[in-house]
Amino acid sequence: MFTVYVVVTVLAAAANVFSAVCDFVRYKQVSIAMAKAGVPESWMTMLGILKAAGALGLLVGIGVPLIGTAAAIGLIVFFVAAIITHLRARDYSFGLAVVFLLLAVAALVLGLYAR
């Protein structure tokens, strides 16, 4: 079970690092999606920092479970808020946010049961 937890956690962390980098470099498709959701481009750096911090917390959490739990919960809250933001703007292009949310939930659940 611990091996599955590590694999899912590393995958979730990698996905969030990728997403953070897309925010940092203002990747065109991400900028378009955020504009559709009504998110100012000036927020992209901070959103990227939050995703990168969550990814780092997930990885540190492999050795320090409390940090991993906190990071997973933080990412869950982040992506629930992202989905709500898209829904409020009547923008239904939030499929990747759902994937990231599910990865964070899986990391949390597996982390709680792997030890």
Protein backbone atom coordinates (compact mmCIF):
# COMPACT_ATOMS: atom_id res chain seq x y z
CA MET A 1 0.00 0.00 0.00
CA PHE A 2 2.85 2.37 0.78
CA THR A 3 4.27 1.90 -2.72
CA VAL A 4 0.93 2.84 -4.29
CA TYR A 5 0.80 5.91 -2.04
CA VAL A 6 4.29 6.99 -3.13
CA VAL A 7 3.51 6.49 -6.83
CA VAL A 8 0.23 8.44 -6.63
CA THR A 9 1.83 11.18 -4.53
CA VAL A 10 4.74 11.61 -6.93
CA LEU A 11 2.28 11.70 -9.84
CA ALA A 12 0.15 14.32 -8.06
CA ALA A 13 3.24 16.37 -7.25
CA ALA A 14 4.50 16.16 -10.84
CA ALA A 15 1.12 17.24 -12.20
CA ASN A 16 1.07 20.24 -9.88
CA VAL A 17 4.64 21.22 -10.74
CA PHE A 18 3.70 21.07 -14.43
CA SER A 19 0.63 23.22 -13.77
CA ALA A 20 2.68 25.69 -11.71
CA VAL A 21 5.24 26.02 -14.50
CA CYS A 22 2.42 26.67 -16.98
CA ASP A 23 1.26 29.48 -14.69
CA PHE A 24 4.77 30.92 -14.31
CA VAL A 25 5.42 31.03 -18.07
CA ARG A 26 1.87 32.23 -18.84
CA TYR A 27 1.16 29.27 -21.10
CA LYS A 28 -1.37 30.44 -23.69
CA GLN A 29 -4.07 27.80 -23.09
CA VAL A 30 -3.91 28.32 -19.34
CA SER A 31 -4.16 32.09 -19.76
CA ILE A 32 -7.19 31.64 -22.01
CA ALA A 33 -8.89 29.27 -19.54
CA MET A 34 -8.26 31.63 -16.63
CA ALA A 35 -9.58 34.60 -18.60
CA LYS A 36 -12.76 32.64 -19.39
CA ALA A 37 -13.16 31.94 -15.68
CA GLY A 38 -12.65 35.61 -14.83
CA VAL A 39 -9.29 35.15 -13.12
CA PRO A 40 -6.93 38.10 -13.65
CA GLU A 41 -3.62 37.26 -15.29
CA SER A 42 -1.87 39.02 -12.41
CA TRP A 43 -2.94 36.11 -10.16
CA MET A 44 -1.12 33.49 -12.21
CA THR A 45 2.18 33.76 -10.37
CA MET A 46 0.55 33.39 -6.95
CA LEU A 47 -1.58 30.46 -8.12
CA GLY A 48 1.59 28.83 -9.49
CA ILE A 49 3.35 29.36 -6.16
CA LEU A 50 0.46 27.71 -4.31
CA LYS A 51 0.52 24.69 -6.66
CA ALA A 52 4.31 24.39 -6.36
CA ALA A 53 4.10 24.61 -2.56
CA GLY A 54 1.43 21.91 -2.56
CA ALA A 55 3.61 19.69 -4.74
CA LEU A 56 6.61 20.20 -2.47
CA GLY A 57 4.45 19.47 0.58
CA LEU A 58 3.22 16.23 -0.96
CA LEU A 59 6.79 15.09 -1.58
CA VAL A 60 7.99 16.10 1.90
CA GLY A 61 4.92 14.32 3.25
CA ILE A 62 6.27 10.97 2.13
CA GLY A 63 8.71 11.27 5.02
CA VAL A 64 6.72 13.62 7.28
CA PRO A 65 3.08 12.49 7.10
CA LEU A 66 1.57 15.56 8.76
CA ILE A 67 3.01 17.85 6.08
CA GLY A 68 1.74 15.55 3.34
CA THR A 69 -1.74 15.55 4.83
CA ALA A 70 -1.75 19.34 5.09
CA ALA A 71 -0.48 19.71 1.52
CA ALA A 72 -3.10 17.32 0.14
CA ILE A 73 -5.89 19.14 1.99
CA GLY A 74 -4.56 22.47 0.71
CA LEU A 75 -4.56 21.21 -2.88
CA ILE A 76 -8.05 19.80 -2.46
CA VAL A 77 -9.32 23.18 -1.25
CA PHE A 78 -7.42 24.91 -4.09
CA PHE A 79 -8.95 22.78 -6.83
CA VAL A 80 -12.46 22.81 -5.36
CA ALA A 81 -12.19 26.63 -5.38
CA ALA A 82 -10.91 26.51 -8.98
CA ILE A 83 -13.89 24.41 -10.07
CA ILE A 84 -16.30 26.70 -8.26
CA THR A 85 -14.66 29.72 -9.93
CA HIS A 86 -15.17 28.16 -13.36
CA LEU A 87 -18.78 27.21 -12.58
CA ARG A 88 -19.62 30.70 -11.32
CA ALA A 89 -18.32 32.12 -14.60
CA ARG A 90 -20.39 29.53 -16.51
CA ASP A 91 -17.16 28.18 -17.96
CA TYR A 92 -17.18 24.41 -18.12
CA SER A 93 -13.56 23.89 -19.19
CA PHE A 94 -12.37 22.63 -15.82
CA GLY A 95 -11.65 19.00 -16.68
CA LEU A 96 -7.98 19.19 -15.72
CA ALA A 97 -8.90 20.77 -12.38
CA VAL A 98 -11.03 17.70 -11.67
CA VAL A 99 -8.08 15.43 -12.50
CA PHE A 100 -5.80 17.42 -10.18
CA LEU A 101 -8.48 17.32 -7.48
CA LEU A 102 -8.81 13.54 -7.77
CA LEU A 103 -5.03 13.12 -7.58
CA ALA A 104 -4.92 15.22 -4.40
CA VAL A 105 -7.81 13.24 -2.88
CA ALA A 106 -6.08 9.97 -3.77
CA ALA A 107 -2.81 11.17 -2.22
CA LEU A 108 -4.66 12.18 0.94
CA VAL A 109 -6.63 8.94 1.30
CA LEU A 110 -3.68 6.71 0.48
CA GLY A 111 -1.45 8.71 2.80
CA LEU A 112 -3.86 8.22 5.67
CA TYR A 113 -4.11 4.48 5.10
CA ALA A 114 -0.57 3.66 3.99
CA ARG A 115 0.99 4.00 7.40
